[in-house]
Amino acid sequence: MCGVLPAVVVMETLRILRRLGACQRVAYATTADVSGDTSRVVGYAGMLLA
C-alpha cells in the first residue's frame, strides 16, 4: 500500500462495515534509518486494524 489514500479507503471501509474498533501502530521506520540520508525519505508504518 503506498500513500495515505489507500490506507484511508481501507479504514473507512472497515468503519462502515463496523469492523474497525481500533488502529494501533506497531512499527515505524524510514529509508533514512538504513541509508542515513535524510534529504529524501520514504516512511513505512506497520499497523494493526482490529
N, C-alpha and C. Protein backbone atom coordinates (compact mmCIF):
# COMPACT_ATOMS: atom_id res chain seq x y z
N MET A 1 0.86 -1.16 0.00
CA MET A 1 0.00 0.00 0.00
C MET A 1 0.91 1.22 0.00
N CYS A 2 0.67 2.12 -0.89
CA CYS A 2 1.51 3.30 -0.99
C CYS A 2 0.66 4.56 -0.89
N GLY A 3 0.92 5.37 0.09
CA GLY A 3 0.21 6.63 0.23
C GLY A 3 -0.90 6.57 1.25
N VAL A 4 -1.38 7.76 1.60
CA VAL A 4 -2.40 7.86 2.62
C VAL A 4 -3.78 7.47 2.10
N LEU A 5 -4.09 7.71 0.84
CA LEU A 5 -5.43 7.42 0.31
C LEU A 5 -5.81 5.94 0.42
N PRO A 6 -4.96 4.99 0.02
CA PRO A 6 -5.34 3.58 0.20
C PRO A 6 -5.57 3.21 1.66
N ALA A 7 -4.80 3.77 2.56
CA ALA A 7 -4.98 3.49 3.98
C ALA A 7 -6.32 4.01 4.47
N VAL A 8 -6.68 5.21 4.04
CA VAL A 8 -7.97 5.78 4.43
C VAL A 8 -9.13 4.98 3.85
N VAL A 9 -9.00 4.52 2.61
CA VAL A 9 -10.05 3.70 1.99
C VAL A 9 -10.27 2.42 2.80
N VAL A 10 -9.19 1.75 3.18
CA VAL A 10 -9.31 0.52 3.97
C VAL A 10 -9.96 0.81 5.32
N MET A 11 -9.48 1.84 6.02
CA MET A 11 -10.03 2.14 7.33
C MET A 11 -11.49 2.58 7.25
N GLU A 12 -11.85 3.38 6.27
CA GLU A 12 -13.23 3.83 6.11
C GLU A 12 -14.15 2.67 5.76
N THR A 13 -13.68 1.77 4.91
CA THR A 13 -14.48 0.58 4.57
C THR A 13 -14.73 -0.27 5.81
N LEU A 14 -13.68 -0.50 6.59
CA LEU A 14 -13.84 -1.27 7.82
C LEU A 14 -14.78 -0.56 8.81
N ARG A 15 -14.70 0.76 8.87
CA ARG A 15 -15.57 1.52 9.76
C ARG A 15 -17.03 1.37 9.34
N ILE A 16 -17.30 1.50 8.04
CA ILE A 16 -18.66 1.37 7.52
C ILE A 16 -19.22 -0.02 7.80
N LEU A 17 -18.38 -1.03 7.66
CA LEU A 17 -18.80 -2.41 7.91
C LEU A 17 -18.83 -2.74 9.41
N ARG A 18 -18.52 -1.75 10.24
CA ARG A 18 -18.46 -1.91 11.70
C ARG A 18 -17.45 -2.99 12.11
N ARG A 19 -16.33 -3.02 11.40
CA ARG A 19 -15.26 -3.98 11.69
C ARG A 19 -14.01 -3.30 12.22
N LEU A 20 -14.05 -1.99 12.36
CA LEU A 20 -12.86 -1.26 12.83
C LEU A 20 -13.10 -0.75 14.23
N GLY A 21 -12.47 -1.39 15.20
CA GLY A 21 -12.60 -0.96 16.57
C GLY A 21 -11.41 -0.13 17.02
N ALA A 22 -10.25 -0.43 16.48
CA ALA A 22 -9.04 0.28 16.90
C ALA A 22 -7.95 0.17 15.83
N CYS A 23 -7.08 1.15 15.83
CA CYS A 23 -5.88 1.14 14.98
C CYS A 23 -4.69 1.29 15.92
N GLN A 24 -3.70 0.44 15.74
CA GLN A 24 -2.51 0.51 16.59
C GLN A 24 -1.26 0.46 15.73
N ARG A 25 -0.41 1.46 15.89
CA ARG A 25 0.87 1.46 15.19
C ARG A 25 1.82 0.53 15.94
N VAL A 26 2.37 -0.44 15.23
CA VAL A 26 3.28 -1.40 15.87
C VAL A 26 4.73 -1.19 15.43
N ALA A 27 4.93 -0.45 14.35
CA ALA A 27 6.30 -0.18 13.89
C ALA A 27 6.29 1.04 12.97
N TYR A 28 7.40 1.74 12.94
CA TYR A 28 7.56 2.87 12.02
C TYR A 28 9.04 3.02 11.73
N ALA A 29 9.36 3.23 10.47
CA ALA A 29 10.75 3.44 10.06
C ALA A 29 10.77 4.25 8.77
N THR A 30 11.92 4.80 8.45
CA THR A 30 12.10 5.50 7.18
C THR A 30 13.35 4.96 6.49
N THR A 31 13.48 5.30 5.23
CA THR A 31 14.66 4.88 4.49
C THR A 31 15.92 5.49 5.08
N ALA A 32 15.80 6.62 5.76
CA ALA A 32 16.96 7.26 6.38
C ALA A 32 17.51 6.40 7.52
N ASP A 33 16.66 5.57 8.12
CA ASP A 33 17.14 4.68 9.18
C ASP A 33 18.21 3.72 8.66
N VAL A 34 18.12 3.38 7.38
CA VAL A 34 19.07 2.45 6.78
C VAL A 34 20.20 3.20 6.09
N SER A 35 19.83 4.19 5.27
CA SER A 35 20.83 4.87 4.44
C SER A 35 21.56 5.99 5.17
N GLY A 36 20.90 6.61 6.14
CA GLY A 36 21.48 7.76 6.81
C GLY A 36 21.23 9.06 6.07
N ASP A 37 20.71 8.99 4.86
CA ASP A 37 20.43 10.18 4.04
C ASP A 37 19.05 10.72 4.40
N THR A 38 19.01 11.89 5.02
CA THR A 38 17.73 12.48 5.42
C THR A 38 17.21 13.51 4.44
N SER A 39 17.88 13.68 3.30
CA SER A 39 17.44 14.69 2.34
C SER A 39 16.14 14.28 1.64
N ARG A 40 15.95 12.98 1.45
CA ARG A 40 14.70 12.47 0.87
C ARG A 40 14.43 11.11 1.52
N VAL A 41 13.26 11.00 2.13
CA VAL A 41 12.96 9.75 2.83
C VAL A 41 11.57 9.23 2.44
N VAL A 42 11.41 7.94 2.59
CA VAL A 42 10.11 7.28 2.47
C VAL A 42 9.82 6.65 3.81
N GLY A 43 8.59 6.86 4.31
CA GLY A 43 8.21 6.31 5.60
C GLY A 43 7.42 5.02 5.45
N TYR A 44 7.57 4.15 6.42
CA TYR A 44 6.86 2.86 6.44
C TYR A 44 6.26 2.68 7.82
N ALA A 45 5.00 2.25 7.87
CA ALA A 45 4.35 2.00 9.15
C ALA A 45 3.73 0.61 9.15
N GLY A 46 3.85 -0.05 10.26
CA GLY A 46 3.15 -1.32 10.48
C GLY A 46 1.95 -1.03 11.38
N MET A 47 0.75 -1.34 10.90
CA MET A 47 -0.47 -1.04 11.64
C MET A 47 -1.30 -2.29 11.86
N LEU A 48 -1.92 -2.37 13.02
CA LEU A 48 -2.90 -3.42 13.29
C LEU A 48 -4.27 -2.76 13.29
N LEU A 49 -5.15 -3.24 12.43
CA LEU A 49 -6.51 -2.73 12.37
C LEU A 49 -7.40 -3.82 12.94
N ALA A 50 -8.02 -3.53 14.07
CA ALA A 50 -8.84 -4.55 14.74
C ALA A 50 -10.23 -4.03 15.01
